[in-house]
Amino acid sequence: MKQLNIMMMLAMMVIVVVSCNNDNEPADTVSPTVSLVTPEANDSFAPGDSISVTGTVTDDRQLSSINISVTPKDGISPVVTEIITAFDSPTSHALDVDIIIPADAEVGPYVVSVSAVDVAGNQSTPTDVQVEVKWTCVTVASCNVDGQATIILSVPETTPDGSDIYVVGSFNGWDPGDVNFKLTKNTVIPNCYCISVALVQGDEFKFTRGSWETVEKTLECAEVDNRIYDNEDKLEITIIDWRDLCEQ
């Protein structure tokens, strides 16, 4: 009986010591730390693309959640949010997440924001990266012809709806509205056209909307020098302006 009493007293002493240690533990006031590798500032993505969010999140004691959002720069409501609650360890997590941009997202600047909260409620300062959501001009199937040069053409937003775009050059007698050299419009991506042409090195060319009055122009309505083909398989070209629009 005496031994039992001694054991009970020892057990109570252990409980008291543990309790005192817990009471003396300093409060957790340290916020988690977020370090991003990707995306990088000014990276661009098309609607429907995925943004690769990578980096590390650490905390001195225990993570509670990691919050990722993609929000229009001048907006309030995010178009995408993701919350992570399972971690590599209680105090650290390697970020490797693909965030899908909605296919109907409006083009423009967006902010990718990552923050973390620990079990004590301490929240990190959000790590923000500005990216751009914009359409990327791509070919349609009919524009990909073996043995020919594929031209991918982006035109300005001021281009009138329903415009036909032509490539004109030394290969067609500089006919500005030759129906055999009318580009195909991408019906999904705005202001995007393409064509495949049997060009040879040294061919010169420009673009029109069917006449010399609507030939392409550069900044401040300056003349565009003849483009010269140099055996590229794919040419990605951007039109700055059109003669009839910039001379108004």
C-alpha atoms as a PDB file:
ATOM      1  CA  MET A   1       0.000   0.000   0.000  1.00  0.00           C
ATOM      2  CA  LYS A   2       2.842   2.338   0.881  1.00  0.00           C
ATOM      3  CA  GLN A   3       4.512   1.608  -2.495  1.00  0.00           C
ATOM      4  CA  LEU A   4       1.232   2.408  -4.316  1.00  0.00           C
ATOM      5  CA  ASN A   5       0.979   5.769  -2.573  1.00  0.00           C
ATOM      6  CA  ILE A   6       4.565   6.595  -3.538  1.00  0.00           C
ATOM      7  CA  MET A   7       3.886   5.725  -7.189  1.00  0.00           C
ATOM      8  CA  MET A   8       0.764   7.908  -7.237  1.00  0.00           C
ATOM      9  CA  MET A   9       2.724  10.817  -5.769  1.00  0.00           C
ATOM     10  CA  LEU A  10       5.449  10.441  -8.430  1.00  0.00           C
ATOM     11  CA  ALA A  11       2.854  10.374 -11.212  1.00  0.00           C
ATOM     12  CA  MET A  12       1.259  13.563  -9.878  1.00  0.00           C
ATOM     13  CA  MET A  13       4.660  15.249  -9.768  1.00  0.00           C
ATOM     14  CA  VAL A  14       5.284  14.366 -13.433  1.00  0.00           C
ATOM     15  CA  ILE A  15       1.909  15.847 -14.392  1.00  0.00           C
ATOM     16  CA  VAL A  16       2.685  19.027 -12.486  1.00  0.00           C
ATOM     17  CA  VAL A  17       6.118  19.355 -14.137  1.00  0.00           C
ATOM     18  CA  VAL A  18       4.677  18.828 -17.645  1.00  0.00           C
ATOM     19  CA  SER A  19       1.886  21.298 -16.944  1.00  0.00           C
ATOM     20  CA  CYS A  20       4.364  23.898 -15.768  1.00  0.00           C
ATOM     21  CA  ASN A  21       6.508  23.402 -18.836  1.00  0.00           C
ATOM     22  CA  ASN A  22       3.484  23.925 -21.134  1.00  0.00           C
ATOM     23  CA  ASP A  23       2.412  27.004 -19.205  1.00  0.00           C
ATOM     24  CA  ASN A  24       5.890  28.451 -19.552  1.00  0.00           C
ATOM     25  CA  GLU A  25       6.142  27.850 -23.329  1.00  0.00           C
ATOM     26  CA  PRO A  26       6.143  31.210 -25.107  1.00  0.00           C
ATOM     27  CA  ALA A  27       3.177  32.031 -27.314  1.00  0.00           C
ATOM     28  CA  ASP A  28       3.580  31.445 -31.043  1.00  0.00           C
ATOM     29  CA  THR A  29       3.791  34.883 -32.660  1.00  0.00           C
ATOM     30  CA  VAL A  30       5.913  34.006 -35.706  1.00  0.00           C
ATOM     31  CA  SER A  31       4.127  34.022 -39.081  1.00  0.00           C
ATOM     32  CA  PRO A  32       4.847  31.471 -41.811  1.00  0.00           C
ATOM     33  CA  THR A  33       7.203  32.389 -44.646  1.00  0.00           C
ATOM     34  CA  VAL A  34       6.336  32.045 -48.341  1.00  0.00           C
ATOM     35  CA  SER A  35       9.022  31.946 -51.043  1.00  0.00           C
ATOM     36  CA  LEU A  36       7.858  31.651 -54.673  1.00  0.00           C
ATOM     37  CA  VAL A  37       9.904  30.450 -57.648  1.00  0.00           C
ATOM     38  CA  THR A  38       7.141  30.556 -60.262  1.00  0.00           C
ATOM     39  CA  PRO A  39       5.281  32.300 -61.705  1.00  0.00           C
ATOM     40  CA  GLU A  40       7.611  35.199 -62.417  1.00  0.00           C
ATOM     41  CA  ALA A  41       6.500  38.800 -62.783  1.00  0.00           C
ATOM     42  CA  ASN A  42       4.907  39.590 -66.154  1.00  0.00           C
ATOM     43  CA  ASP A  43       4.618  35.961 -67.257  1.00  0.00           C
ATOM     44  CA  SER A  44       1.780  35.677 -69.762  1.00  0.00           C
ATOM     45  CA  PHE A  45      -0.905  33.027 -70.054  1.00  0.00           C
ATOM     46  CA  ALA A  46      -3.912  32.473 -72.297  1.00  0.00           C
ATOM     47  CA  PRO A  47      -7.411  31.803 -70.957  1.00  0.00           C
ATOM     48  CA  GLY A  48      -7.585  28.077 -70.202  1.00  0.00           C
ATOM     49  CA  ASP A  49      -3.834  27.811 -69.562  1.00  0.00           C
ATOM     50  CA  SER A  50      -2.404  26.593 -66.264  1.00  0.00           C
ATOM     51  CA  ILE A  51      -0.167  28.668 -64.001  1.00  0.00           C
ATOM     52  CA  SER A  52       2.573  26.618 -62.341  1.00  0.00           C
ATOM     53  CA  VAL A  53       2.901  27.808 -58.738  1.00  0.00           C
ATOM     54  CA  THR A  54       6.141  26.523 -57.181  1.00  0.00           C
ATOM     55  CA  GLY A  55       8.179  27.477 -54.145  1.00  0.00           C
ATOM     56  CA  THR A  56       8.406  26.734 -50.426  1.00  0.00           C
ATOM     57  CA  VAL A  57       6.319  27.552 -47.352  1.00  0.00           C
ATOM     58  CA  THR A  58       7.770  27.192 -43.854  1.00  0.00           C
ATOM     59  CA  ASP A  59       6.699  27.808 -40.257  1.00  0.00           C
ATOM     60  CA  ASP A  60       8.579  27.596 -36.969  1.00  0.00           C
ATOM     61  CA  ARG A  61       5.954  25.305 -35.367  1.00  0.00           C
ATOM     62  CA  GLN A  62       3.047  24.037 -37.433  1.00  0.00           C
ATOM     63  CA  LEU A  63       1.323  25.050 -40.653  1.00  0.00           C
ATOM     64  CA  SER A  64      -2.450  25.190 -40.867  1.00  0.00           C
ATOM     65  CA  SER A  65      -3.243  26.191 -44.461  1.00  0.00           C
ATOM     66  CA  ILE A  66      -1.739  27.616 -47.650  1.00  0.00           C
ATOM     67  CA  ASN A  67      -4.002  29.843 -49.720  1.00  0.00           C
ATOM     68  CA  ILE A  68      -3.532  30.535 -53.449  1.00  0.00           C
ATOM     69  CA  SER A  69      -5.659  32.947 -55.465  1.00  0.00           C
ATOM     70  CA  VAL A  70      -5.685  34.493 -58.943  1.00  0.00           C
ATOM     71  CA  THR A  71      -7.456  37.858 -59.057  1.00  0.00           C
ATOM     72  CA  PRO A  72      -7.805  40.561 -61.732  1.00  0.00           C
ATOM     73  CA  LYS A  73      -5.404  43.371 -60.832  1.00  0.00           C
ATOM     74  CA  ASP A  74      -8.205  45.902 -60.443  1.00  0.00           C
ATOM     75  CA  GLY A  75     -10.744  43.384 -59.153  1.00  0.00           C
ATOM     76  CA  ILE A  76     -11.859  42.117 -55.780  1.00  0.00           C
ATOM     77  CA  SER A  77     -13.134  38.597 -56.356  1.00  0.00           C
ATOM     78  CA  PRO A  78     -10.581  35.964 -57.418  1.00  0.00           C
ATOM     79  CA  VAL A  79     -11.287  33.881 -60.495  1.00  0.00           C
ATOM     80  CA  VAL A  80      -9.447  30.919 -58.932  1.00  0.00           C
ATOM     81  CA  THR A  81      -8.760  29.923 -55.333  1.00  0.00           C
ATOM     82  CA  GLU A  82      -7.072  26.860 -53.872  1.00  0.00           C
ATOM     83  CA  ILE A  83      -6.473  25.927 -50.241  1.00  0.00           C
ATOM     84  CA  ILE A  84      -3.813  23.390 -49.236  1.00  0.00           C
ATOM     85  CA  THR A  85      -4.074  21.654 -45.858  1.00  0.00           C
ATOM     86  CA  ALA A  86      -1.850  18.592 -46.376  1.00  0.00           C
ATOM     87  CA  PHE A  87       1.873  19.275 -46.067  1.00  0.00           C
ATOM     88  CA  ASP A  88       5.221  17.552 -46.526  1.00  0.00           C
ATOM     89  CA  SER A  89       5.858  18.083 -42.808  1.00  0.00           C
ATOM     90  CA  PRO A  90       4.220  20.142 -40.020  1.00  0.00           C
ATOM     91  CA  THR A  91       6.705  22.973 -40.563  1.00  0.00           C
ATOM     92  CA  SER A  92       7.391  22.998 -44.326  1.00  0.00           C
ATOM     93  CA  HIS A  93       5.819  22.332 -47.698  1.00  0.00           C
ATOM     94  CA  ALA A  94       7.158  22.399 -51.261  1.00  0.00           C
ATOM     95  CA  LEU A  95       4.625  24.111 -53.514  1.00  0.00           C
ATOM     96  CA  ASP A  96       4.030  22.469 -56.896  1.00  0.00           C
ATOM     97  CA  VAL A  97       0.512  23.323 -57.992  1.00  0.00           C
ATOM     98  CA  ASP A  98      -1.038  23.963 -61.416  1.00  0.00           C
ATOM     99  CA  ILE A  99      -3.764  26.607 -61.239  1.00  0.00           C
ATOM    100  CA  ILE A 100      -6.107  26.541 -64.242  1.00  0.00           C
ATOM    101  CA  ILE A 101      -7.204  29.931 -65.588  1.00  0.00           C
ATOM    102  CA  PRO A 102     -10.896  29.783 -66.549  1.00  0.00           C
ATOM    103  CA  ALA A 103     -11.404  29.526 -70.303  1.00  0.00           C
ATOM    104  CA  ASP A 104     -13.782  32.490 -70.125  1.00  0.00           C
ATOM    105  CA  ALA A 105     -11.414  34.711 -68.121  1.00  0.00           C
ATOM    106  CA  GLU A 106     -11.121  38.254 -69.449  1.00  0.00           C
ATOM    107  CA  VAL A 107      -7.732  39.285 -70.760  1.00  0.00           C
ATOM    108  CA  GLY A 108      -5.673  41.754 -68.754  1.00  0.00           C
ATOM    109  CA  PRO A 109      -3.339  41.906 -65.730  1.00  0.00           C
ATOM    110  CA  TYR A 110      -3.899  39.486 -62.840  1.00  0.00           C
ATOM    111  CA  VAL A 111      -2.281  38.966 -59.452  1.00  0.00           C
ATOM    112  CA  VAL A 112      -1.257  35.516 -58.237  1.00  0.00           C
ATOM    113  CA  SER A 113      -1.265  35.676 -54.428  1.00  0.00           C
ATOM    114  CA  VAL A 114       0.059  33.040 -52.005  1.00  0.00           C
ATOM    115  CA  SER A 115      -0.244  33.268 -48.229  1.00  0.00           C
ATOM    116  CA  ALA A 116      -0.057  30.834 -45.311  1.00  0.00           C
ATOM    117  CA  VAL A 117      -1.572  30.513 -41.833  1.00  0.00           C
ATOM    118  CA  ASP A 118      -0.195  28.514 -38.897  1.00  0.00           C
ATOM    119  CA  VAL A 119      -2.143  26.728 -36.145  1.00  0.00           C
ATOM    120  CA  ALA A 120      -1.787  29.743 -33.851  1.00  0.00           C
ATOM    121  CA  GLY A 121      -3.557  31.914 -36.419  1.00  0.00           C
ATOM    122  CA  ASN A 122      -0.484  33.846 -37.558  1.00  0.00           C
ATOM    123  CA  GLN A 123      -0.795  34.771 -41.250  1.00  0.00           C
ATOM    124  CA  SER A 124       2.066  35.522 -43.599  1.00  0.00           C
ATOM    125  CA  THR A 125       2.170  38.684 -45.656  1.00  0.00           C
ATOM    126  CA  PRO A 126       0.740  37.679 -49.065  1.00  0.00           C
ATOM    127  CA  THR A 127       3.355  37.090 -51.741  1.00  0.00           C
ATOM    128  CA  ASP A 128       1.945  38.680 -54.912  1.00  0.00           C
ATOM    129  CA  VAL A 129       3.107  38.256 -58.501  1.00  0.00           C
ATOM    130  CA  GLN A 130       1.521  40.156 -61.384  1.00  0.00           C
ATOM    131  CA  VAL A 131       0.964  38.153 -64.569  1.00  0.00           C
ATOM    132  CA  GLU A 132      -0.816  38.851 -67.842  1.00  0.00           C
ATOM    133  CA  VAL A 133      -3.722  36.894 -69.267  1.00  0.00           C
ATOM    134  CA  LYS A 134      -3.884  37.392 -73.014  1.00  0.00           C
ATOM    135  CA  TRP A 135      -4.736  35.461 -76.111  1.00  0.00           C
ATOM    136  CA  THR A 136      -1.855  33.807 -77.927  1.00  0.00           C
ATOM    137  CA  CYS A 137      -2.347  33.547 -81.669  1.00  0.00           C
ATOM    138  CA  VAL A 138      -2.040  29.960 -82.948  1.00  0.00           C
ATOM    139  CA  THR A 139      -2.697  28.210 -86.225  1.00  0.00           C
ATOM    140  CA  VAL A 140      -5.767  26.237 -87.179  1.00  0.00           C
ATOM    141  CA  ALA A 141      -5.357  22.800 -88.743  1.00  0.00           C
ATOM    142  CA  SER A 142      -5.908  23.978 -92.321  1.00  0.00           C
ATOM    143  CA  CYS A 143      -2.922  26.350 -92.035  1.00  0.00           C
ATOM    144  CA  ASN A 144      -0.433  23.559 -91.429  1.00  0.00           C
ATOM    145  CA  VAL A 145       0.768  22.329 -94.842  1.00  0.00           C
ATOM    146  CA  ASP A 146       3.897  20.212 -95.142  1.00  0.00           C
ATOM    147  CA  GLY A 147       6.668  21.868 -97.135  1.00  0.00           C
ATOM    148  CA  GLN A 148       5.150  25.349 -96.859  1.00  0.00           C
ATOM    149  CA  ALA A 149       5.834  28.263 -94.551  1.00  0.00           C
ATOM    150  CA  THR A 150       3.120  28.796 -91.946  1.00  0.00           C
ATOM    151  CA  ILE A 151       2.342  32.431 -91.138  1.00  0.00           C
ATOM    152  CA  ILE A 152       0.646  33.220 -87.816  1.00  0.00           C
ATOM    153  CA  LEU A 153      -0.646  36.788 -87.842  1.00  0.00           C
ATOM    154  CA  SER A 154      -1.908  38.882 -84.929  1.00  0.00           C
ATOM    155  CA  VAL A 155      -3.814  42.018 -85.947  1.00  0.00           C
ATOM    156  CA  PRO A 156      -4.706  45.065 -83.824  1.00  0.00           C
ATOM    157  CA  GLU A 157      -7.980  45.193 -81.893  1.00  0.00           C
ATOM    158  CA  THR A 158      -8.987  48.162 -84.056  1.00  0.00           C
ATOM    159  CA  THR A 159      -9.224  45.869 -87.097  1.00  0.00           C
ATOM    160  CA  PRO A 160     -12.871  46.072 -88.281  1.00  0.00           C
ATOM    161  CA  ASP A 161     -14.979  43.003 -87.569  1.00  0.00           C
ATOM    162  CA  GLY A 162     -15.305  40.684 -90.532  1.00  0.00           C
ATOM    163  CA  SER A 163     -12.104  41.901 -92.184  1.00  0.00           C
ATOM    164  CA  ASP A 164     -10.411  39.646 -94.720  1.00  0.00           C
ATOM    165  CA  ILE A 165      -6.616  39.666 -94.460  1.00  0.00           C
ATOM    166  CA  TYR A 166      -4.315  38.959 -97.399  1.00  0.00           C
ATOM    167  CA  VAL A 167      -0.600  38.315 -97.777  1.00  0.00           C
ATOM    168  CA  VAL A 168       0.756  40.044-100.868  1.00  0.00           C
ATOM    169  CA  GLY A 169       4.223  39.825-102.351  1.00  0.00           C
ATOM    170  CA  SER A 170       6.630  38.984-105.099  1.00  0.00           C
ATOM    171  CA  PHE A 171       5.101  35.515-105.348  1.00  0.00           C
ATOM    172  CA  ASN A 172       1.706  36.820-106.592  1.00  0.00           C
ATOM    173  CA  GLY A 173       2.641  39.945-108.544  1.00  0.00           C
ATOM    174  CA  TRP A 174       1.883  42.153-105.528  1.00  0.00           C
ATOM    175  CA  ASP A 175      -1.873  41.700-105.922  1.00  0.00           C
ATOM    176  CA  PRO A 176      -3.243  43.139-102.628  1.00  0.00           C
ATOM    177  CA  GLY A 177      -6.520  41.205-102.714  1.00  0.00           C
ATOM    178  CA  ASP A 178      -5.596  37.846-104.259  1.00  0.00           C
ATOM    179  CA  VAL A 179      -8.184  35.337-102.988  1.00  0.00           C
ATOM    180  CA  ASN A 180      -5.582  32.559-103.248  1.00  0.00           C
ATOM    181  CA  PHE A 181      -3.627  34.287-100.504  1.00  0.00           C
ATOM    182  CA  LYS A 182      -6.416  35.149 -98.075  1.00  0.00           C
ATOM    183  CA  LEU A 183      -5.617  34.204 -94.495  1.00  0.00           C
ATOM    184  CA  THR A 184      -7.834  31.948 -92.365  1.00  0.00           C
ATOM    185  CA  LYS A 185      -9.386  33.544 -89.298  1.00  0.00           C
ATOM    186  CA  ASN A 186      -9.139  31.699 -85.980  1.00  0.00           C
ATOM    187  CA  THR A 187     -12.749  31.685 -84.797  1.00  0.00           C
ATOM    188  CA  VAL A 188     -11.761  31.025 -81.169  1.00  0.00           C
ATOM    189  CA  ILE A 189      -8.886  33.429 -80.610  1.00  0.00           C
ATOM    190  CA  PRO A 190      -9.653  37.087 -81.365  1.00  0.00           C
ATOM    191  CA  ASN A 191      -7.597  39.003 -83.950  1.00  0.00           C
ATOM    192  CA  CYS A 192      -5.729  35.898 -85.055  1.00  0.00           C
ATOM    193  CA  TYR A 193      -5.189  34.686 -88.629  1.00  0.00           C
ATOM    194  CA  CYS A 194      -2.979  32.142 -90.384  1.00  0.00           C
ATOM    195  CA  ILE A 195      -1.978  30.819 -93.804  1.00  0.00           C
ATOM    196  CA  SER A 196       0.544  28.436 -95.335  1.00  0.00           C
ATOM    197  CA  VAL A 197       2.413  29.707 -98.401  1.00  0.00           C
ATOM    198  CA  ALA A 198       4.989  28.075-100.673  1.00  0.00           C
ATOM    199  CA  LEU A 199       7.646  30.736-100.137  1.00  0.00           C
ATOM    200  CA  VAL A 200      11.251  30.598-101.294  1.00  0.00           C
ATOM    201  CA  GLN A 201      14.174  32.376 -99.731  1.00  0.00           C
ATOM    202  CA  GLY A 202      14.225  36.038-100.645  1.00  0.00           C
ATOM    203  CA  ASP A 203      10.485  36.373-101.303  1.00  0.00           C
ATOM    204  CA  GLU A 204       9.206  39.780-100.195  1.00  0.00           C
ATOM    205  CA  PHE A 205       5.735  40.340 -98.761  1.00  0.00           C
ATOM    206  CA  LYS A 206       3.332  42.521 -96.766  1.00  0.00           C
ATOM    207  CA  PHE A 207      -0.234  42.275 -95.475  1.00  0.00           C
ATOM    208  CA  THR A 208      -3.386  44.126 -96.488  1.00  0.00           C
ATOM    209  CA  ARG A 209      -7.119  44.017 -95.890  1.00  0.00           C
ATOM    210  CA  GLY A 210      -7.687  43.722 -99.655  1.00  0.00           C
ATOM    211  CA  SER A 211      -6.227  46.926-101.108  1.00  0.00           C
ATOM    212  CA  TRP A 212      -3.213  49.207-100.887  1.00  0.00           C
ATOM    213  CA  GLU A 213      -5.423  51.709 -99.072  1.00  0.00           C
ATOM    214  CA  THR A 214      -5.602  49.183 -96.222  1.00  0.00           C
ATOM    215  CA  VAL A 215      -1.963  48.015 -96.215  1.00  0.00           C
ATOM    216  CA  GLU A 216      -0.251  47.439 -92.882  1.00  0.00           C
ATOM    217  CA  LYS A 217       1.456  50.351 -91.162  1.00  0.00           C
ATOM    218  CA  THR A 218       3.763  50.669 -88.180  1.00  0.00           C
ATOM    219  CA  LEU A 219       3.732  53.119 -85.279  1.00  0.00           C
ATOM    220  CA  GLU A 220       2.683  56.673 -86.129  1.00  0.00           C
ATOM    221  CA  CYS A 221       1.424  55.413 -89.493  1.00  0.00           C
ATOM    222  CA  ALA A 222       4.930  54.884 -90.862  1.00  0.00           C
ATOM    223  CA  GLU A 223       5.564  52.658 -93.872  1.00  0.00           C
ATOM    224  CA  VAL A 224       6.397  49.007 -93.211  1.00  0.00           C
ATOM    225  CA  ASP A 225       9.455  47.765 -95.093  1.00  0.00           C
ATOM    226  CA  ASN A 226       8.885  44.722 -97.257  1.00  0.00           C
ATOM    227  CA  ARG A 227       9.246  41.595 -95.166  1.00  0.00           C
ATOM    228  CA  ILE A 228      11.817  39.133 -96.522  1.00  0.00           C
ATOM    229  CA  TYR A 229      11.414  35.369 -96.191  1.00  0.00           C
ATOM    230  CA  ASP A 230      14.479  33.525 -94.862  1.00  0.00           C
ATOM    231  CA  ASN A 231      13.504  29.841 -94.940  1.00  0.00           C
ATOM    232  CA  GLU A 232      11.622  29.803 -91.615  1.00  0.00           C
ATOM    233  CA  ASP A 233       9.091  27.003 -91.135  1.00  0.00           C
ATOM    234  CA  LYS A 234       6.870  29.282 -89.027  1.00  0.00           C
ATOM    235  CA  LEU A 235       6.581  33.059 -88.993  1.00  0.00           C
ATOM    236  CA  GLU A 236       4.828  34.794 -86.089  1.00  0.00           C
ATOM    237  CA  ILE A 237       4.000  38.362 -87.122  1.00  0.00           C
ATOM    238  CA  THR A 238       2.111  41.192 -85.418  1.00  0.00           C
ATOM    239  CA  ILE A 239       0.436  43.989 -87.358  1.00  0.00           C
ATOM    240  CA  ILE A 240       0.641  47.358 -85.574  1.00  0.00           C
ATOM    241  CA  ASP A 241      -1.863  49.383 -87.615  1.00  0.00           C
ATOM    242  CA  TRP A 242      -3.607  49.758 -90.992  1.00  0.00           C
ATOM    243  CA  ARG A 243      -3.240  52.664 -93.420  1.00  0.00           C
ATOM    244  CA  ASP A 244      -6.936  53.574 -93.623  1.00  0.00           C
ATOM    245  CA  LEU A 245      -7.253  53.590 -89.814  1.00  0.00           C
ATOM    246  CA  CYS A 246      -4.115  55.488 -88.844  1.00  0.00           C
ATOM    247  CA  GLU A 247      -4.515  58.159 -91.551  1.00  0.00           C
ATOM    248  CA  GLN A 248      -7.995  59.153 -90.345  1.00  0.00           C
END
